[in-house]
C-alpha atoms as a PDB file:
ATOM      1  CA  UNK A   1      22.491  -8.047  53.725  1.00  0.00           C
ATOM      2  CA  UNK A   2      23.985  -7.818  57.223  1.00  0.00           C
ATOM      3  CA  UNK A   3      22.670  -4.273  57.640  1.00  0.00           C
ATOM      4  CA  UNK A   4      19.186  -5.389  56.565  1.00  0.00           C
ATOM      5  CA  UNK A   5      19.250  -8.145  59.187  1.00  0.00           C
ATOM      6  CA  UNK A   6      20.275  -5.548  61.763  1.00  0.00           C
ATOM      7  CA  UNK A   7      17.349  -3.387  60.629  1.00  0.00           C
ATOM      8  CA  UNK A   8      15.040  -6.377  61.187  1.00  0.00           C
ATOM      9  CA  UNK A   9      16.400  -6.722  64.727  1.00  0.00           C
ATOM     10  CA  UNK A  10      15.900  -3.024  65.450  1.00  0.00           C
ATOM     11  CA  UNK A  11      12.367  -3.267  64.051  1.00  0.00           C
ATOM     12  CA  UNK A  12      11.576  -6.157  66.399  1.00  0.00           C
ATOM     13  CA  UNK A  13      12.882  -4.258  69.416  1.00  0.00           C
ATOM     14  CA  UNK A  14      11.004  -1.103  68.382  1.00  0.00           C
ATOM     15  CA  UNK A  15       7.752  -2.994  67.870  1.00  0.00           C
ATOM     16  CA  UNK A  16       7.972  -4.608  71.305  1.00  0.00           C
ATOM     17  CA  UNK A  17       9.229  -1.713  73.391  1.00  0.00           C
ATOM     18  CA  UNK A  18       7.258   1.154  71.833  1.00  0.00           C
ATOM     19  CA  UNK A  19       3.971  -0.067  73.272  1.00  0.00           C
ATOM     20  CA  UNK A  20       5.036  -1.876  76.408  1.00  0.00           C
ATOM     21  CA  UNK A  21       5.862   0.810  79.011  1.00  0.00           C
ATOM     22  CA  UNK A  22       9.530  -0.167  79.212  1.00  0.00           C
ATOM     23  CA  UNK A  23      11.265   2.517  77.089  1.00  0.00           C
ATOM     24  CA  UNK A  24      12.075   1.928  73.440  1.00  0.00           C
ATOM     25  CA  UNK A  25      14.926   4.462  73.716  1.00  0.00           C
ATOM     26  CA  UNK A  26      16.609   2.556  76.524  1.00  0.00           C
ATOM     27  CA  UNK A  27      16.454  -0.694  74.591  1.00  0.00           C
ATOM     28  CA  UNK A  28      17.642   0.926  71.360  1.00  0.00           C
ATOM     29  CA  UNK A  29      20.666   2.420  73.137  1.00  0.00           C
ATOM     30  CA  UNK A  30      21.539  -0.969  74.615  1.00  0.00           C
ATOM     31  CA  UNK A  31      21.050  -2.773  71.309  1.00  0.00           C
ATOM     32  CA  UNK A  32      23.204  -0.209  69.521  1.00  0.00           C
ATOM     33  CA  UNK A  33      26.052  -1.057  71.887  1.00  0.00           C
ATOM     34  CA  UNK A  34      26.123  -4.614  70.560  1.00  0.00           C
ATOM     35  CA  UNK A  35      24.600  -4.387  67.064  1.00  0.00           C
ATOM     36  CA  UNK A  36      25.421  -1.026  65.527  1.00  0.00           C
ATOM     37  CA  UNK A  37      24.118  -0.106  62.095  1.00  0.00           C
ATOM     38  CA  UNK A  38      26.867   0.880  59.691  1.00  0.00           C
ATOM     39  CA  UNK A  39      25.325   4.281  58.938  1.00  0.00           C
ATOM     40  CA  UNK A  40      26.093   7.935  59.532  1.00  0.00           C
ATOM     41  CA  UNK A  41      25.303   9.502  62.903  1.00  0.00           C
ATOM     42  CA  UNK A  42      22.753  11.788  61.243  1.00  0.00           C
ATOM     43  CA  UNK A  43      20.904   8.830  59.691  1.00  0.00           C
ATOM     44  CA  UNK A  44      20.989   6.894  62.970  1.00  0.00           C
ATOM     45  CA  UNK A  45      19.379   9.773  64.906  1.00  0.00           C
ATOM     46  CA  UNK A  46      16.665  10.030  62.263  1.00  0.00           C
ATOM     47  CA  UNK A  47      16.202   6.244  62.061  1.00  0.00           C
ATOM     48  CA  UNK A  48      15.545   5.969  65.810  1.00  0.00           C
ATOM     49  CA  UNK A  49      12.513   8.230  65.461  1.00  0.00           C
ATOM     50  CA  UNK A  50      11.144   7.518  61.984  1.00  0.00           C
ATOM     51  CA  UNK A  51      11.100   3.736  62.505  1.00  0.00           C
ATOM     52  CA  UNK A  52       8.213   4.504  64.871  1.00  0.00           C
ATOM     53  CA  UNK A  53       5.988   5.258  61.865  1.00  0.00           C
ATOM     54  CA  UNK A  54       5.670   1.514  61.339  1.00  0.00           C
ATOM     55  CA  UNK A  55       4.467   1.135  64.908  1.00  0.00           C
ATOM     56  CA  UNK A  56       1.890   3.918  64.386  1.00  0.00           C
ATOM     57  CA  UNK A  57       0.326   2.071  61.458  1.00  0.00           C
ATOM     58  CA  UNK A  58      -0.348  -0.868  63.764  1.00  0.00           C
ATOM     59  CA  UNK A  59      -2.443   1.402  66.015  1.00  0.00           C
ATOM     60  CA  UNK A  60      -4.327   2.736  63.004  1.00  0.00           C
ATOM     61  CA  UNK A  61      -5.053  -0.806  61.796  1.00  0.00           C
ATOM     62  CA  UNK A  62      -6.166  -2.215  65.148  1.00  0.00           C
ATOM     63  CA  UNK A  63      -8.211   0.758  66.368  1.00  0.00           C
ATOM     64  CA  UNK A  64      -9.588   2.091  63.081  1.00  0.00           C
ATOM     65  CA  UNK A  65     -13.207   1.972  64.259  1.00  0.00           C
ATOM     66  CA  UNK A  66     -12.325   3.982  67.365  1.00  0.00           C
ATOM     67  CA  UNK A  67     -10.246   6.683  65.671  1.00  0.00           C
ATOM     68  CA  UNK A  68     -11.801   7.255  62.208  1.00  0.00           C
ATOM     69  CA  UNK A  69     -14.370  10.038  62.701  1.00  0.00           C
ATOM     70  CA  UNK A  70     -16.514   9.338  59.627  1.00  0.00           C
ATOM     71  CA  UNK A  71     -19.059   6.640  58.826  1.00  0.00           C
ATOM     72  CA  UNK A  72     -19.879   6.650  55.117  1.00  0.00           C
ATOM     73  CA  UNK A  73     -22.547   3.967  55.480  1.00  0.00           C
ATOM     74  CA  UNK A  74     -24.745   5.697  58.032  1.00  0.00           C
ATOM     75  CA  UNK A  75     -26.194   9.092  58.813  1.00  0.00           C
ATOM     76  CA  UNK A  76     -24.942  11.278  60.334  1.00  0.00           C
ATOM     77  CA  UNK A  77     -21.624  10.732  58.560  1.00  0.00           C
ATOM     78  CA  UNK A  78     -19.648  12.443  61.281  1.00  0.00           C
ATOM     79  CA  UNK A  79     -19.000  10.636  64.575  1.00  0.00           C
ATOM     80  CA  UNK A  80     -19.048  13.517  67.036  1.00  0.00           C
ATOM     81  CA  UNK A  81     -17.666  11.459  69.921  1.00  0.00           C
ATOM     82  CA  UNK A  82     -14.564  10.547  67.908  1.00  0.00           C
ATOM     83  CA  UNK A  83     -14.054  14.149  66.797  1.00  0.00           C
ATOM     84  CA  UNK A  84     -14.297  15.147  70.448  1.00  0.00           C
ATOM     85  CA  UNK A  85     -11.706  12.497  71.322  1.00  0.00           C
ATOM     86  CA  UNK A  86      -9.315  13.868  68.680  1.00  0.00           C
ATOM     87  CA  UNK A  87      -9.647  17.389  70.050  1.00  0.00           C
ATOM     88  CA  UNK A  88      -8.715  16.023  73.482  1.00  0.00           C
ATOM     89  CA  UNK A  89      -5.744  14.189  71.966  1.00  0.00           C
ATOM     90  CA  UNK A  90      -4.564  17.423  70.352  1.00  0.00           C
ATOM     91  CA  UNK A  91      -4.896  19.214  73.709  1.00  0.00           C
ATOM     92  CA  UNK A  92      -2.768  16.478  75.288  1.00  0.00           C
ATOM     93  CA  UNK A  93      -0.133  17.060  72.592  1.00  0.00           C
ATOM     94  CA  UNK A  94       0.273  20.769  73.384  1.00  0.00           C
ATOM     95  CA  UNK A  95       2.832  20.552  76.253  1.00  0.00           C
ATOM     96  CA  UNK A  96       5.214  18.218  74.423  1.00  0.00           C
ATOM     97  CA  UNK A  97       4.751  20.015  71.088  1.00  0.00           C
ATOM     98  CA  UNK A  98       5.519  23.479  72.463  1.00  0.00           C
ATOM     99  CA  UNK A  99       8.424  22.526  74.722  1.00  0.00           C
ATOM    100  CA  UNK A 100       9.723  19.740  72.468  1.00  0.00           C
ATOM    101  CA  UNK A 101       9.945  21.897  69.354  1.00  0.00           C
ATOM    102  CA  UNK A 102      11.664  24.689  71.261  1.00  0.00           C
ATOM    103  CA  UNK A 103      14.220  22.596  73.135  1.00  0.00           C
ATOM    104  CA  UNK A 104      14.509  19.294  71.230  1.00  0.00           C
ATOM    105  CA  UNK A 105      18.253  19.614  70.546  1.00  0.00           C
ATOM    106  CA  UNK A 106      18.953  20.884  74.073  1.00  0.00           C
ATOM    107  CA  UNK A 107      17.224  17.917  75.670  1.00  0.00           C
ATOM    108  CA  UNK A 108      19.073  15.478  73.409  1.00  0.00           C
ATOM    109  CA  UNK A 109      22.432  17.026  74.322  1.00  0.00           C
ATOM    110  CA  UNK A 110      21.741  17.138  78.063  1.00  0.00           C
ATOM    111  CA  UNK A 111      19.871  13.904  78.708  1.00  0.00           C
ATOM    112  CA  UNK A 112      20.439  11.510  75.789  1.00  0.00           C
ATOM    113  CA  UNK A 113      23.036   9.385  77.553  1.00  0.00           C
ATOM    114  CA  UNK A 114      23.025   5.953  79.247  1.00  0.00           C
ATOM    115  CA  UNK A 115      23.073   7.330  82.814  1.00  0.00           C
ATOM    116  CA  UNK A 116      19.993   9.516  82.363  1.00  0.00           C
ATOM    117  CA  UNK A 117      18.181   6.733  80.517  1.00  0.00           C
ATOM    118  CA  UNK A 118      18.932   4.263  83.320  1.00  0.00           C
ATOM    119  CA  UNK A 119      17.775   6.671  86.027  1.00  0.00           C
ATOM    120  CA  UNK A 120      14.524   7.339  84.133  1.00  0.00           C
ATOM    121  CA  UNK A 121      13.952   3.609  83.734  1.00  0.00           C
ATOM    122  CA  UNK A 122      14.327   3.044  87.468  1.00  0.00           C
ATOM    123  CA  UNK A 123      12.343   6.080  88.649  1.00  0.00           C
ATOM    124  CA  UNK A 124       9.311   5.308  86.506  1.00  0.00           C
ATOM    125  CA  UNK A 125       9.616   1.613  87.312  1.00  0.00           C
ATOM    126  CA  UNK A 126       9.224   2.506  90.977  1.00  0.00           C
ATOM    127  CA  UNK A 127       6.334   4.829  90.066  1.00  0.00           C
ATOM    128  CA  UNK A 128       4.441   1.993  88.361  1.00  0.00           C
ATOM    129  CA  UNK A 129       4.749  -0.218  91.448  1.00  0.00           C
ATOM    130  CA  UNK A 130       3.807   2.527  93.929  1.00  0.00           C
ATOM    131  CA  UNK A 131       0.799   3.718  91.922  1.00  0.00           C
ATOM    132  CA  UNK A 132      -0.513   0.214  91.252  1.00  0.00           C
ATOM    133  CA  UNK A 133      -0.206  -0.616  94.965  1.00  0.00           C
ATOM    134  CA  UNK A 134      -2.080   2.578  95.804  1.00  0.00           C
ATOM    135  CA  UNK A 135      -4.819   1.783  93.265  1.00  0.00           C
ATOM    136  CA  UNK A 136      -5.233  -1.827  94.376  1.00  0.00           C
ATOM    137  CA  UNK A 137      -8.311  -1.149  96.483  1.00  0.00           C
ATOM    138  CA  UNK A 138      -9.573   1.842  94.512  1.00  0.00           C
ATOM    139  CA  UNK A 139     -11.993   1.908  91.596  1.00  0.00           C
ATOM    140  CA  UNK A 140     -10.958   4.099  88.646  1.00  0.00           C
ATOM    141  CA  UNK A 141     -12.952   7.293  88.108  1.00  0.00           C
ATOM    142  CA  UNK A 142     -12.606   7.130  84.334  1.00  0.00           C
ATOM    143  CA  UNK A 143     -13.543   3.836  82.678  1.00  0.00           C
ATOM    144  CA  UNK A 144     -14.232   4.924  79.101  1.00  0.00           C
ATOM    145  CA  UNK A 145     -12.623   7.221  76.547  1.00  0.00           C
ATOM    146  CA  UNK A 146     -15.745   9.392  76.558  1.00  0.00           C
ATOM    147  CA  UNK A 147     -15.224  10.189  80.251  1.00  0.00           C
ATOM    148  CA  UNK A 148     -11.838  11.780  79.602  1.00  0.00           C
ATOM    149  CA  UNK A 149     -12.214  15.545  79.990  1.00  0.00           C
ATOM    150  CA  UNK A 150     -10.038  18.233  78.417  1.00  0.00           C
ATOM    151  CA  UNK A 151      -8.451  18.837  81.816  1.00  0.00           C
ATOM    152  CA  UNK A 152      -7.608  15.141  82.141  1.00  0.00           C
ATOM    153  CA  UNK A 153      -6.184  15.089  78.613  1.00  0.00           C
ATOM    154  CA  UNK A 154      -3.980  18.103  79.371  1.00  0.00           C
ATOM    155  CA  UNK A 155      -2.697  16.507  82.575  1.00  0.00           C
ATOM    156  CA  UNK A 156      -1.794  13.326  80.670  1.00  0.00           C
ATOM    157  CA  UNK A 157      -0.046  15.566  78.124  1.00  0.00           C
ATOM    158  CA  UNK A 158       2.086  17.054  80.901  1.00  0.00           C
ATOM    159  CA  UNK A 159       3.281  13.555  81.801  1.00  0.00           C
ATOM    160  CA  UNK A 160       4.056  12.951  78.139  1.00  0.00           C
ATOM    161  CA  UNK A 161       6.242  16.069  78.291  1.00  0.00           C
ATOM    162  CA  UNK A 162       8.387  14.324  80.909  1.00  0.00           C
ATOM    163  CA  UNK A 163       9.085  11.597  78.375  1.00  0.00           C
ATOM    164  CA  UNK A 164       9.987  14.201  75.751  1.00  0.00           C
ATOM    165  CA  UNK A 165      12.552  15.705  78.127  1.00  0.00           C
ATOM    166  CA  UNK A 166      14.069  12.557  79.620  1.00  0.00           C
ATOM    167  CA  UNK A 167      14.887   9.662  77.250  1.00  0.00           C
ATOM    168  CA  UNK A 168      14.307   6.329  78.941  1.00  0.00           C
ATOM    169  CA  UNK A 169      11.141   7.525  80.651  1.00  0.00           C
ATOM    170  CA  UNK A 170       9.098   5.881  77.863  1.00  0.00           C
ATOM    171  CA  UNK A 171       6.373   7.905  76.209  1.00  0.00           C
ATOM    172  CA  UNK A 172       3.814   5.188  76.809  1.00  0.00           C
ATOM    173  CA  UNK A 173       5.158   4.634  80.319  1.00  0.00           C
ATOM    174  CA  UNK A 174       4.899   8.306  81.273  1.00  0.00           C
ATOM    175  CA  UNK A 175       1.389   8.775  79.901  1.00  0.00           C
ATOM    176  CA  UNK A 176       0.100   5.542  81.440  1.00  0.00           C
ATOM    177  CA  UNK A 177       1.598   6.428  84.848  1.00  0.00           C
ATOM    178  CA  UNK A 178       0.021   9.876  84.630  1.00  0.00           C
ATOM    179  CA  UNK A 179      -3.352   8.458  83.612  1.00  0.00           C
ATOM    180  CA  UNK A 180      -3.354   5.872  86.405  1.00  0.00           C
ATOM    181  CA  UNK A 181      -2.371   8.547  88.906  1.00  0.00           C
ATOM    182  CA  UNK A 182      -5.413  10.681  88.085  1.00  0.00           C
ATOM    183  CA  UNK A 183      -7.875   7.787  88.161  1.00  0.00           C
ATOM    184  CA  UNK A 184      -8.031   6.437  84.606  1.00  0.00           C
ATOM    185  CA  UNK A 185      -8.526   2.684  84.208  1.00  0.00           C
ATOM    186  CA  UNK A 186      -5.681   0.607  82.769  1.00  0.00           C
ATOM    187  CA  UNK A 187      -7.491  -0.196  79.526  1.00  0.00           C
ATOM    188  CA  UNK A 188      -8.506   3.404  78.842  1.00  0.00           C
ATOM    189  CA  UNK A 189      -5.032   4.656  79.827  1.00  0.00           C
ATOM    190  CA  UNK A 190      -3.422   2.275  77.330  1.00  0.00           C
ATOM    191  CA  UNK A 191      -5.860   3.121  74.509  1.00  0.00           C
ATOM    192  CA  UNK A 192      -5.517   6.885  75.014  1.00  0.00           C
ATOM    193  CA  UNK A 193      -1.732   6.453  75.039  1.00  0.00           C
ATOM    194  CA  UNK A 194      -1.866   4.563  71.740  1.00  0.00           C
ATOM    195  CA  UNK A 195      -4.033   7.221  70.103  1.00  0.00           C
ATOM    196  CA  UNK A 196      -1.876  10.010  71.495  1.00  0.00           C
ATOM    197  CA  UNK A 197       1.119   8.386  69.814  1.00  0.00           C
ATOM    198  CA  UNK A 198      -0.294   9.006  66.335  1.00  0.00           C
ATOM    199  CA  UNK A 199       0.105  12.818  66.112  1.00  0.00           C
ATOM    200  CA  UNK A 200       3.144  12.805  68.429  1.00  0.00           C
ATOM    201  CA  UNK A 201       5.125  10.288  66.389  1.00  0.00           C
ATOM    202  CA  UNK A 202       4.030  11.763  63.081  1.00  0.00           C
ATOM    203  CA  UNK A 203       5.203  15.197  64.227  1.00  0.00           C
ATOM    204  CA  UNK A 204       8.489  13.910  65.657  1.00  0.00           C
ATOM    205  CA  UNK A 205       9.203  11.868  62.517  1.00  0.00           C
ATOM    206  CA  UNK A 206       8.493  14.802  60.230  1.00  0.00           C
ATOM    207  CA  UNK A 207      10.791  16.992  62.312  1.00  0.00           C
ATOM    208  CA  UNK A 208      13.639  14.474  62.097  1.00  0.00           C
ATOM    209  CA  UNK A 209      13.106  13.956  58.348  1.00  0.00           C
ATOM    210  CA  UNK A 210      13.240  17.703  57.754  1.00  0.00           C
ATOM    211  CA  UNK A 211      16.456  17.946  59.767  1.00  0.00           C
ATOM    212  CA  UNK A 212      17.930  14.984  57.891  1.00  0.00           C
ATOM    213  CA  UNK A 213      16.990  16.530  54.568  1.00  0.00           C
ATOM    214  CA  UNK A 214      15.129  13.695  52.771  1.00  0.00           C
ATOM    215  CA  UNK A 215      18.409  12.748  51.063  1.00  0.00           C
ATOM    216  CA  UNK A 216      18.694   8.966  51.275  1.00  0.00           C
ATOM    217  CA  UNK A 217      21.056   6.534  49.639  1.00  0.00           C
ATOM    218  CA  UNK A 218      19.510   3.325  48.340  1.00  0.00           C
ATOM    219  CA  UNK A 219      20.951   1.415  51.288  1.00  0.00           C
ATOM    220  CA  UNK A 220      19.616   3.884  53.840  1.00  0.00           C
ATOM    221  CA  UNK A 221      16.160   3.814  52.326  1.00  0.00           C
ATOM    222  CA  UNK A 222      16.123   0.005  52.402  1.00  0.00           C
ATOM    223  CA  UNK A 223      17.223  -0.100  56.050  1.00  0.00           C
ATOM    224  CA  UNK A 224      14.559   2.412  57.063  1.00  0.00           C
ATOM    225  CA  UNK A 225      11.789   0.642  55.121  1.00  0.00           C
ATOM    226  CA  UNK A 226      12.679  -2.796  56.518  1.00  0.00           C
ATOM    227  CA  UNK A 227      12.826  -1.442  60.068  1.00  0.00           C
ATOM    228  CA  UNK A 228       9.417   0.215  59.715  1.00  0.00           C
ATOM    229  CA  UNK A 229       7.731  -2.860  58.200  1.00  0.00           C
ATOM    230  CA  UNK A 230       9.073  -5.150  60.922  1.00  0.00           C
ATOM    231  CA  UNK A 231       8.102  -2.634  63.622  1.00  0.00           C
ATOM    232  CA  UNK A 232       4.559  -2.599  62.195  1.00  0.00           C
ATOM    233  CA  UNK A 233       4.179  -6.385  62.164  1.00  0.00           C
ATOM    234  CA  UNK A 234       5.591  -6.834  65.663  1.00  0.00           C
ATOM    235  CA  UNK A 235       3.515  -3.926  67.011  1.00  0.00           C
ATOM    236  CA  UNK A 236       0.281  -5.595  65.869  1.00  0.00           C
ATOM    237  CA  UNK A 237       1.113  -8.650  67.980  1.00  0.00           C
ATOM    238  CA  UNK A 238       2.373  -6.673  70.990  1.00  0.00           C
ATOM    239  CA  UNK A 239      -0.596  -4.287  71.160  1.00  0.00           C
ATOM    240  CA  UNK A 240      -3.035  -7.198  71.059  1.00  0.00           C
ATOM    241  CA  UNK A 241      -1.055  -8.939  73.792  1.00  0.00           C
ATOM    242  CA  UNK A 242      -0.929  -5.849  76.030  1.00  0.00           C
ATOM    243  CA  UNK A 243      -4.648  -5.099  75.738  1.00  0.00           C
ATOM    244  CA  UNK A 244      -5.449  -8.692  76.695  1.00  0.00           C
ATOM    245  CA  UNK A 245      -2.876  -8.745  79.506  1.00  0.00           C
ATOM    246  CA  UNK A 246      -4.024  -5.618  81.336  1.00  0.00           C
ATOM    247  CA  UNK A 247      -7.628  -6.822  81.490  1.00  0.00           C
ATOM    248  CA  UNK A 248      -6.489  -9.367  84.091  1.00  0.00           C
ATOM    249  CA  UNK A 249      -3.187  -7.983  85.400  1.00  0.00           C
ATOM    250  CA  UNK A 250      -1.654  -4.713  86.557  1.00  0.00           C
ATOM    251  CA  UNK A 251       1.458  -2.913  85.292  1.00  0.00           C
ATOM    252  CA  UNK A 252       3.758  -3.852  88.190  1.00  0.00           C
ATOM    253  CA  UNK A 253       5.659  -6.474  86.210  1.00  0.00           C
ATOM    254  CA  UNK A 254       6.755  -3.729  83.805  1.00  0.00           C
ATOM    255  CA  UNK A 255       7.839  -1.611  86.770  1.00  0.00           C
ATOM    256  CA  UNK A 256      10.082  -4.385  88.068  1.00  0.00           C
ATOM    257  CA  UNK A 257      11.448  -4.994  84.567  1.00  0.00           C
ATOM    258  CA  UNK A 258      12.336  -1.296  84.224  1.00  0.00           C
ATOM    259  CA  UNK A 259      14.154  -1.295  87.560  1.00  0.00           C
ATOM    260  CA  UNK A 260      16.223  -4.356  86.639  1.00  0.00           C
ATOM    261  CA  UNK A 261      16.989  -3.007  83.161  1.00  0.00           C
ATOM    262  CA  UNK A 262      17.952   0.415  84.542  1.00  0.00           C
ATOM    263  CA  UNK A 263      20.318  -1.202  87.043  1.00  0.00           C
ATOM    264  CA  UNK A 264      21.888  -3.321  84.277  1.00  0.00           C
ATOM    265  CA  UNK A 265      22.353  -0.249  82.058  1.00  0.00           C
ATOM    266  CA  UNK A 266      24.067   1.640  84.898  1.00  0.00           C
ATOM    267  CA  UNK A 267      26.257  -1.344  85.715  1.00  0.00           C
ATOM    268  CA  UNK A 268      27.218  -1.983  82.095  1.00  0.00           C
ATOM    269  CA  UNK A 269      28.265   1.576  81.345  1.00  0.00           C
ATOM    270  CA  UNK A 270      30.065   1.953  84.694  1.00  0.00           C
ATOM    271  CA  UNK A 271      32.122  -1.126  83.890  1.00  0.00           C
END
């Protein structure tokens, strides 16, 4: 029962931090310092990634009309604009997919530690503040998903690669920073980031499940299921909040939060 309650807590943290650009990895590492699951190291590494599947389902639920490329009630049945969007999403996935698959274990060994996570939190926190200050008096060039070109999608994918290399960067944080930097509006940057998460997280989860071997005990399966369900429910609330928030506010508050959190992580592990 205690482990299930811990799984609920991890699901809450995952659901909040996966979509806010504040690094789910950084928060999970901190939480694990105080509330560790009583599981094997192999299961824990898999759990950290696969719990994100619950968060993905929240995106699918909330944005179904924008991501499902078929309309069975009207003709033509195929929504060409949505198919075009998915091709752009796949293009954006290429950098992280190629480099991530080739060097996943290397990156984990080199950079999956509190110091690197803290530095990434701080660096991208500063980036959010600098870019938002720069954009204050500038109008975005791209204000709809349809205006995103393949070149723009690939550039956003390069920023996503940074997150794949350096834990603590935040996948959503890196892609949103990249999108803002090249002139995408906040709303479109957030939506494209959410959609980009679907193939990325599915691929990463499948990779971790294959490495783990699909051999679960009853307890492990329960912990994973509870974590995913809670992450889904919390994600629904958080995504709705974020989309409403950025219509009236910028991302600077998340930049300041990242800087403070990064400093606390450095201080904690130094002590």
